[in-house]
Amino acid sequence: MLVRKETYPALSRVFGDFFDKEFSDWSNTNYSETNTTLPAVNIKENENEFIVEVAVPGMDKKDFNIDLNENLLTVSSDKKNEESEEKENYTRREYSYQSFRRVFTLPKEVVDDEKISAKYDNGELIINIPKKEEAKPKGPMKIEIK
């Protein structure tokens, strides 16, 4: 049995954990092409609609833009914060800027684009995209025998 004794075990664990994790696999990160963080998105479908859930805590509904152009639904946000504090011997000014842009291609023949709605609640932007009546699944049809 091999026993390994390390002089600084805590330090070894920190660096070992750092390099053993998915540090080198950049494909698993949640960043856009511009290195900005993208919010997590869930897309659900039922017989009446598609539901897009975007996780964006700490934002306000005025921070979002949702546009539909042809069959492209674009969800974007630009949020700027500026904090300033001036005291007798110092001045502190902090800025923060958050932005993202997600584009979804909607199936034109399935979606009723006139009835798309959105709401922001508890850190989640929810977009409801109803289906056209003719695109909804129909139940079994009884065929009469003549």
N, C-alpha and C. Protein backbone atom coordinates (compact mmCIF):
# COMPACT_ATOMS: atom_id res chain seq x y z
N MET A 1 0.85 -1.16 0.00
CA MET A 1 0.00 0.00 0.00
C MET A 1 0.89 1.23 0.00
N LEU A 2 0.62 2.13 -0.89
CA LEU A 2 1.40 3.35 -1.03
C LEU A 2 0.74 4.45 -0.21
N VAL A 3 1.49 5.07 0.68
CA VAL A 3 0.99 6.18 1.48
C VAL A 3 1.75 7.41 1.05
N ARG A 4 1.01 8.46 0.74
CA ARG A 4 1.61 9.69 0.26
C ARG A 4 1.49 10.76 1.33
N LYS A 5 2.58 11.28 1.76
CA LYS A 5 2.57 12.33 2.78
C LYS A 5 2.93 13.64 2.11
N GLU A 6 2.07 14.64 2.32
CA GLU A 6 2.30 15.94 1.71
C GLU A 6 2.59 16.97 2.79
N THR A 7 3.51 17.85 2.50
CA THR A 7 3.89 18.87 3.46
C THR A 7 2.76 19.86 3.70
N TYR A 8 2.09 20.26 2.62
CA TYR A 8 0.97 21.22 2.72
C TYR A 8 -0.28 20.58 2.10
N PRO A 9 -0.96 19.69 2.80
CA PRO A 9 -2.09 18.96 2.22
C PRO A 9 -3.25 19.86 1.79
N ALA A 10 -3.53 20.89 2.56
CA ALA A 10 -4.64 21.78 2.19
C ALA A 10 -4.36 22.47 0.87
N LEU A 11 -3.14 22.94 0.69
CA LEU A 11 -2.76 23.61 -0.55
C LEU A 11 -2.83 22.66 -1.73
N SER A 12 -2.41 21.43 -1.51
CA SER A 12 -2.47 20.43 -2.56
C SER A 12 -3.91 20.15 -2.97
N ARG A 13 -4.82 20.08 -2.00
CA ARG A 13 -6.23 19.84 -2.29
C ARG A 13 -6.83 20.98 -3.10
N VAL A 14 -6.47 22.21 -2.77
CA VAL A 14 -7.01 23.37 -3.49
C VAL A 14 -6.61 23.32 -4.95
N PHE A 15 -5.30 23.14 -5.20
CA PHE A 15 -4.86 23.11 -6.59
C PHE A 15 -5.33 21.85 -7.31
N GLY A 16 -5.37 20.73 -6.59
CA GLY A 16 -5.86 19.50 -7.20
C GLY A 16 -7.31 19.64 -7.62
N ASP A 17 -8.15 20.18 -6.74
CA ASP A 17 -9.56 20.39 -7.07
C ASP A 17 -9.71 21.36 -8.22
N PHE A 18 -8.89 22.40 -8.22
CA PHE A 18 -8.97 23.41 -9.26
C PHE A 18 -8.70 22.81 -10.63
N PHE A 19 -7.66 22.00 -10.75
CA PHE A 19 -7.30 21.44 -12.04
C PHE A 19 -8.05 20.17 -12.38
N ASP A 20 -8.60 19.48 -11.39
CA ASP A 20 -9.34 18.25 -11.67
C ASP A 20 -10.75 18.51 -12.17
N LYS A 21 -11.29 19.65 -11.86
CA LYS A 21 -12.66 19.95 -12.27
C LYS A 21 -12.68 20.22 -13.77
N GLU A 22 -13.83 20.64 -14.28
CA GLU A 22 -13.99 20.85 -15.71
C GLU A 22 -13.38 22.17 -16.17
N PHE A 23 -12.28 22.54 -15.53
CA PHE A 23 -11.63 23.80 -15.85
C PHE A 23 -11.21 23.88 -17.31
N SER A 24 -10.70 22.79 -17.84
CA SER A 24 -10.17 22.83 -19.20
C SER A 24 -11.23 22.59 -20.26
N ASP A 25 -12.45 22.24 -19.87
CA ASP A 25 -13.49 21.98 -20.85
C ASP A 25 -14.36 23.23 -21.00
N TRP A 26 -13.96 24.13 -21.88
CA TRP A 26 -14.66 25.39 -22.05
C TRP A 26 -16.01 25.22 -22.72
N SER A 27 -16.27 24.11 -23.37
CA SER A 27 -17.56 23.92 -24.05
C SER A 27 -18.70 23.80 -23.06
N ASN A 28 -18.41 23.48 -21.79
CA ASN A 28 -19.47 23.34 -20.80
C ASN A 28 -19.80 24.65 -20.10
N THR A 29 -19.12 25.73 -20.40
CA THR A 29 -19.40 26.98 -19.72
C THR A 29 -20.62 27.64 -20.32
N ASN A 30 -21.17 28.58 -19.58
CA ASN A 30 -22.40 29.24 -19.99
C ASN A 30 -22.09 30.67 -20.45
N TYR A 31 -21.20 30.80 -21.43
CA TYR A 31 -20.79 32.11 -21.91
C TYR A 31 -21.15 32.26 -23.39
N SER A 32 -21.40 33.49 -23.78
CA SER A 32 -21.69 33.78 -25.18
C SER A 32 -20.38 33.98 -25.93
N GLU A 33 -20.49 34.30 -27.21
CA GLU A 33 -19.30 34.54 -28.02
C GLU A 33 -18.54 35.78 -27.55
N THR A 34 -19.22 36.67 -26.84
CA THR A 34 -18.56 37.89 -26.36
C THR A 34 -18.12 37.76 -24.91
N ASN A 35 -18.06 36.53 -24.40
CA ASN A 35 -17.65 36.23 -23.03
C ASN A 35 -18.56 36.84 -21.97
N THR A 36 -19.83 37.07 -22.30
CA THR A 36 -20.79 37.51 -21.30
C THR A 36 -21.58 36.29 -20.84
N THR A 37 -21.99 36.30 -19.60
CA THR A 37 -22.73 35.17 -19.05
C THR A 37 -24.13 35.14 -19.63
N LEU A 38 -24.57 33.99 -20.06
CA LEU A 38 -25.92 33.82 -20.58
C LEU A 38 -26.80 33.21 -19.51
N PRO A 39 -28.03 33.68 -19.38
CA PRO A 39 -28.92 33.07 -18.39
C PRO A 39 -29.36 31.69 -18.83
N ALA A 40 -29.68 30.84 -17.86
CA ALA A 40 -30.19 29.51 -18.17
C ALA A 40 -31.59 29.63 -18.75
N VAL A 41 -31.90 28.79 -19.73
CA VAL A 41 -33.20 28.82 -20.39
C VAL A 41 -33.78 27.41 -20.41
N ASN A 42 -35.06 27.31 -20.05
CA ASN A 42 -35.82 26.07 -20.21
C ASN A 42 -36.91 26.33 -21.22
N ILE A 43 -37.13 25.36 -22.12
CA ILE A 43 -38.20 25.48 -23.09
C ILE A 43 -39.10 24.26 -22.92
N LYS A 44 -40.38 24.53 -22.64
CA LYS A 44 -41.37 23.47 -22.46
C LYS A 44 -42.38 23.54 -23.59
N GLU A 45 -42.97 22.40 -23.87
CA GLU A 45 -44.03 22.37 -24.88
C GLU A 45 -45.17 21.53 -24.35
N ASN A 46 -46.38 22.04 -24.54
CA ASN A 46 -47.57 21.23 -24.29
C ASN A 46 -48.45 21.33 -25.52
N GLU A 47 -49.63 20.79 -25.47
CA GLU A 47 -50.44 20.77 -26.70
C GLU A 47 -50.94 22.15 -27.12
N ASN A 48 -50.93 23.13 -26.21
CA ASN A 48 -51.43 24.47 -26.52
C ASN A 48 -50.37 25.53 -26.77
N GLU A 49 -49.16 25.33 -26.23
CA GLU A 49 -48.17 26.40 -26.30
C GLU A 49 -46.76 25.91 -26.04
N PHE A 50 -45.81 26.81 -26.33
CA PHE A 50 -44.42 26.66 -25.91
C PHE A 50 -44.24 27.64 -24.75
N ILE A 51 -43.45 27.26 -23.76
CA ILE A 51 -43.16 28.14 -22.63
C ILE A 51 -41.65 28.26 -22.52
N VAL A 52 -41.15 29.49 -22.61
CA VAL A 52 -39.72 29.76 -22.48
C VAL A 52 -39.50 30.38 -21.11
N GLU A 53 -38.67 29.74 -20.29
CA GLU A 53 -38.36 30.24 -18.94
C GLU A 53 -36.89 30.66 -18.93
N VAL A 54 -36.65 31.92 -18.60
CA VAL A 54 -35.29 32.47 -18.58
C VAL A 54 -34.97 32.87 -17.14
N ALA A 55 -33.92 32.28 -16.57
CA ALA A 55 -33.52 32.58 -15.19
C ALA A 55 -32.67 33.83 -15.16
N VAL A 56 -33.24 34.93 -14.65
CA VAL A 56 -32.53 36.21 -14.59
C VAL A 56 -32.83 36.92 -13.27
N PRO A 57 -32.31 36.40 -12.17
CA PRO A 57 -32.57 37.04 -10.88
C PRO A 57 -31.90 38.40 -10.76
N GLY A 58 -32.50 39.25 -9.93
CA GLY A 58 -31.92 40.56 -9.67
C GLY A 58 -32.21 41.59 -10.73
N MET A 59 -33.05 41.27 -11.68
CA MET A 59 -33.36 42.21 -12.75
C MET A 59 -34.78 42.73 -12.53
N ASP A 60 -35.19 43.66 -13.35
CA ASP A 60 -36.53 44.22 -13.31
C ASP A 60 -37.13 44.08 -14.70
N LYS A 61 -38.44 44.07 -14.80
CA LYS A 61 -39.05 43.86 -16.13
C LYS A 61 -38.68 44.96 -17.12
N LYS A 62 -38.34 46.14 -16.64
CA LYS A 62 -37.94 47.23 -17.54
C LYS A 62 -36.56 46.98 -18.16
N ASP A 63 -35.81 46.02 -17.61
CA ASP A 63 -34.47 45.72 -18.12
C ASP A 63 -34.48 44.86 -19.38
N PHE A 64 -35.64 44.32 -19.78
CA PHE A 64 -35.72 43.35 -20.87
C PHE A 64 -36.29 43.97 -22.14
N ASN A 65 -35.84 43.44 -23.26
CA ASN A 65 -36.42 43.72 -24.56
C ASN A 65 -36.75 42.38 -25.21
N ILE A 66 -37.98 42.24 -25.68
CA ILE A 66 -38.40 41.03 -26.38
C ILE A 66 -38.95 41.48 -27.72
N ASP A 67 -38.34 41.00 -28.79
CA ASP A 67 -38.74 41.39 -30.15
C ASP A 67 -39.01 40.16 -30.98
N LEU A 68 -39.99 40.27 -31.87
CA LEU A 68 -40.28 39.22 -32.83
C LEU A 68 -40.14 39.82 -34.22
N ASN A 69 -39.21 39.27 -35.02
CA ASN A 69 -38.99 39.72 -36.38
C ASN A 69 -39.03 38.49 -37.26
N GLU A 70 -40.07 38.43 -38.11
CA GLU A 70 -40.33 37.22 -38.89
C GLU A 70 -40.56 36.07 -37.91
N ASN A 71 -39.71 35.06 -37.93
CA ASN A 71 -39.88 33.95 -36.99
C ASN A 71 -38.75 33.90 -35.96
N LEU A 72 -38.03 35.03 -35.77
CA LEU A 72 -36.95 35.09 -34.79
C LEU A 72 -37.40 35.87 -33.55
N LEU A 73 -37.43 35.18 -32.42
CA LEU A 73 -37.76 35.80 -31.15
C LEU A 73 -36.46 36.13 -30.44
N THR A 74 -36.24 37.42 -30.17
CA THR A 74 -35.00 37.87 -29.52
C THR A 74 -35.33 38.36 -28.13
N VAL A 75 -34.62 37.80 -27.15
CA VAL A 75 -34.74 38.22 -25.75
C VAL A 75 -33.39 38.82 -25.38
N SER A 76 -33.41 40.09 -24.96
CA SER A 76 -32.15 40.73 -24.62
C SER A 76 -32.33 41.62 -23.39
N SER A 77 -31.20 41.97 -22.81
CA SER A 77 -31.22 42.84 -21.63
C SER A 77 -29.93 43.63 -21.56
N ASP A 78 -30.06 44.87 -21.16
CA ASP A 78 -28.93 45.74 -20.85
C ASP A 78 -29.24 46.39 -19.52
N LYS A 79 -28.43 46.12 -18.53
CA LYS A 79 -28.64 46.70 -17.20
C LYS A 79 -27.35 47.37 -16.75
N LYS A 80 -27.48 48.64 -16.41
CA LYS A 80 -26.33 49.40 -15.95
C LYS A 80 -26.59 49.88 -14.53
N ASN A 81 -25.59 49.74 -13.68
CA ASN A 81 -25.66 50.25 -12.31
C ASN A 81 -24.46 51.15 -12.07
N GLU A 82 -24.72 52.25 -11.41
CA GLU A 82 -23.63 53.13 -11.05
C GLU A 82 -23.85 53.55 -9.61
N GLU A 83 -22.83 53.37 -8.81
CA GLU A 83 -22.88 53.72 -7.40
C GLU A 83 -21.78 54.72 -7.11
N SER A 84 -22.10 55.76 -6.38
CA SER A 84 -21.09 56.75 -6.07
C SER A 84 -21.22 57.15 -4.61
N GLU A 85 -20.07 57.30 -3.96
CA GLU A 85 -20.06 57.69 -2.57
C GLU A 85 -18.89 58.64 -2.36
N GLU A 86 -19.17 59.78 -1.80
CA GLU A 86 -18.11 60.75 -1.55
C GLU A 86 -18.06 61.06 -0.06
N LYS A 87 -16.91 60.89 0.51
CA LYS A 87 -16.68 61.20 1.93
C LYS A 87 -15.58 62.23 2.02
N GLU A 88 -15.24 62.58 3.20
CA GLU A 88 -14.27 63.63 3.43
C GLU A 88 -12.91 63.36 2.78
N ASN A 89 -12.39 62.12 2.91
CA ASN A 89 -11.05 61.84 2.42
C ASN A 89 -11.01 60.95 1.18
N TYR A 90 -12.15 60.54 0.66
CA TYR A 90 -12.10 59.65 -0.50
C TYR A 90 -13.38 59.76 -1.32
N THR A 91 -13.28 59.29 -2.52
CA THR A 91 -14.43 59.16 -3.40
C THR A 91 -14.43 57.74 -3.94
N ARG A 92 -15.57 57.10 -3.90
CA ARG A 92 -15.70 55.75 -4.42
C ARG A 92 -16.78 55.76 -5.48
N ARG A 93 -16.47 55.18 -6.62
CA ARG A 93 -17.45 55.09 -7.69
C ARG A 93 -17.34 53.70 -8.30
N GLU A 94 -18.44 52.99 -8.33
CA GLU A 94 -18.45 51.64 -8.89
C GLU A 94 -19.48 51.56 -10.00
N TYR A 95 -19.11 50.82 -11.03
CA TYR A 95 -19.99 50.62 -12.18
C TYR A 95 -20.18 49.13 -12.39
N SER A 96 -21.34 48.77 -12.86
CA SER A 96 -21.55 47.39 -13.29
C SER A 96 -22.44 47.41 -14.52
N TYR A 97 -22.20 46.47 -15.38
CA TYR A 97 -22.96 46.40 -16.63
C TYR A 97 -23.23 44.94 -16.94
N GLN A 98 -24.48 44.61 -17.14
CA GLN A 98 -24.87 43.25 -17.49
C GLN A 98 -25.66 43.30 -18.78
N SER A 99 -25.35 42.38 -19.67
CA SER A 99 -26.15 42.30 -20.89
C SER A 99 -26.12 40.87 -21.41
N PHE A 100 -27.19 40.52 -22.10
CA PHE A 100 -27.24 39.24 -22.81
C PHE A 100 -28.21 39.36 -23.96
N ARG A 101 -28.11 38.42 -24.87
CA ARG A 101 -29.01 38.37 -26.03
C ARG A 101 -29.18 36.92 -26.43
N ARG A 102 -30.42 36.46 -26.47
CA ARG A 102 -30.72 35.10 -26.91
C ARG A 102 -31.72 35.20 -28.05
N VAL A 103 -31.52 34.39 -29.07
CA VAL A 103 -32.41 34.39 -30.23
C VAL A 103 -32.95 32.99 -30.42
N PHE A 104 -34.27 32.88 -30.59
CA PHE A 104 -34.93 31.60 -30.79
C PHE A 104 -35.69 31.63 -32.11
N THR A 105 -35.55 30.58 -32.89
CA THR A 105 -36.27 30.46 -34.15
C THR A 105 -37.59 29.76 -33.88
N LEU A 106 -38.70 30.44 -34.18
CA LEU A 106 -40.02 29.87 -33.95
C LEU A 106 -40.55 29.22 -35.22
N PRO A 107 -41.21 28.09 -35.09
CA PRO A 107 -41.81 27.47 -36.28
C PRO A 107 -43.01 28.29 -36.74
N LYS A 108 -42.85 29.02 -37.82
CA LYS A 108 -43.85 29.98 -38.31
C LYS A 108 -45.23 29.36 -38.53
N GLU A 109 -45.27 28.14 -39.03
CA GLU A 109 -46.56 27.51 -39.33
C GLU A 109 -47.25 26.96 -38.08
N VAL A 110 -46.58 26.98 -36.94
CA VAL A 110 -47.13 26.42 -35.70
C VAL A 110 -47.51 27.50 -34.70
N VAL A 111 -46.76 28.59 -34.65
CA VAL A 111 -46.90 29.60 -33.60
C VAL A 111 -47.90 30.69 -33.99
N ASP A 112 -48.76 31.05 -33.02
CA ASP A 112 -49.68 32.17 -33.18
C ASP A 112 -48.98 33.42 -32.64
N ASP A 113 -48.21 34.08 -33.49
CA ASP A 113 -47.34 35.17 -33.02
C ASP A 113 -48.09 36.40 -32.52
N GLU A 114 -49.36 36.54 -32.83
CA GLU A 114 -50.15 37.68 -32.35
C GLU A 114 -50.49 37.56 -30.86
N LYS A 115 -50.36 36.37 -30.30
CA LYS A 115 -50.78 36.15 -28.92
C LYS A 115 -49.62 35.84 -27.96
N ILE A 116 -48.39 36.11 -28.37
CA ILE A 116 -47.24 35.88 -27.50
C ILE A 116 -47.30 36.85 -26.33
N SER A 117 -47.05 36.34 -25.12
CA SER A 117 -47.06 37.19 -23.93
C SER A 117 -45.85 36.87 -23.05
N ALA A 118 -45.51 37.81 -22.16
CA ALA A 118 -44.37 37.61 -21.27
C ALA A 118 -44.67 38.23 -19.92
N LYS A 119 -44.06 37.63 -18.89
CA LYS A 119 -44.15 38.22 -17.55
C LYS A 119 -42.84 37.92 -16.81
N TYR A 120 -42.52 38.79 -15.87
CA TYR A 120 -41.32 38.61 -15.04
C TYR A 120 -41.78 38.47 -13.60
N ASP A 121 -41.36 37.36 -12.97
CA ASP A 121 -41.80 37.09 -11.61
C ASP A 121 -40.72 36.33 -10.85
N ASN A 122 -40.32 36.84 -9.70
CA ASN A 122 -39.35 36.16 -8.82
C ASN A 122 -38.07 35.72 -9.54
N GLY A 123 -37.49 36.59 -10.35
CA GLY A 123 -36.23 36.27 -11.00
C GLY A 123 -36.34 35.41 -12.24
N GLU A 124 -37.55 35.22 -12.73
CA GLU A 124 -37.75 34.37 -13.90
C GLU A 124 -38.61 35.11 -14.93
N LEU A 125 -38.09 35.21 -16.15
CA LEU A 125 -38.83 35.76 -17.27
C LEU A 125 -39.53 34.60 -17.96
N ILE A 126 -40.85 34.66 -18.06
CA ILE A 126 -41.62 33.57 -18.66
C ILE A 126 -42.32 34.11 -19.91
N ILE A 127 -42.04 33.47 -21.04
CA ILE A 127 -42.63 33.86 -22.31
C ILE A 127 -43.55 32.74 -22.77
N ASN A 128 -44.82 33.05 -22.97
CA ASN A 128 -45.80 32.08 -23.45
C ASN A 128 -46.00 32.30 -24.94
N ILE A 129 -45.81 31.23 -25.71
CA ILE A 129 -45.93 31.29 -27.16
C ILE A 129 -47.01 30.30 -27.58
N PRO A 130 -48.24 30.80 -27.78
CA PRO A 130 -49.35 29.90 -28.12
C PRO A 130 -49.21 29.30 -29.51
N LYS A 131 -49.80 28.13 -29.67
CA LYS A 131 -49.82 27.46 -30.98
C LYS A 131 -51.10 27.85 -31.71
N LYS A 132 -51.03 27.83 -33.04
CA LYS A 132 -52.22 28.06 -33.86
C LYS A 132 -53.17 26.89 -33.66
N GLU A 133 -54.45 27.14 -33.80
CA GLU A 133 -55.46 26.09 -33.62
C GLU A 133 -55.20 24.90 -34.54
N GLU A 134 -54.85 25.18 -35.79
CA GLU A 134 -54.63 24.10 -36.75
C GLU A 134 -53.37 23.28 -36.45
N ALA A 135 -52.50 23.80 -35.62
CA ALA A 135 -51.26 23.09 -35.27
C ALA A 135 -51.42 22.23 -34.01
N LYS A 136 -52.50 22.46 -33.27
CA LYS A 136 -52.72 21.69 -32.04
C LYS A 136 -53.13 20.27 -32.39
N PRO A 137 -52.70 19.30 -31.60
CA PRO A 137 -53.08 17.91 -31.88
C PRO A 137 -54.59 17.73 -31.73
N LYS A 138 -55.10 16.93 -32.60
CA LYS A 138 -56.54 16.66 -32.56
C LYS A 138 -56.76 15.23 -32.06
N GLY A 139 -57.85 15.06 -31.37
CA GLY A 139 -58.18 13.74 -30.85
C GLY A 139 -58.60 12.80 -31.97
N PRO A 140 -58.86 11.56 -31.60
CA PRO A 140 -59.29 10.60 -32.63
C PRO A 140 -60.62 11.03 -33.24
N MET A 141 -60.75 10.73 -34.52
CA MET A 141 -61.96 11.09 -35.24
C MET A 141 -62.73 9.82 -35.60
N LYS A 142 -64.00 9.84 -35.37
CA LYS A 142 -64.85 8.70 -35.68
C LYS A 142 -65.23 8.77 -37.16
N ILE A 143 -64.97 7.70 -37.89
CA ILE A 143 -65.31 7.65 -39.31
C ILE A 143 -66.50 6.71 -39.48
N GLU A 144 -67.52 7.26 -40.09
CA GLU A 144 -68.75 6.51 -40.29
C GLU A 144 -68.60 5.56 -41.48
N ILE A 145 -69.09 4.36 -41.30
CA ILE A 145 -69.07 3.36 -42.37
C ILE A 145 -70.38 3.43 -43.12
N LYS A 146 -70.31 3.54 -44.46
CA LYS A 146 -71.51 3.65 -45.28
C LYS A 146 -71.83 2.35 -45.96
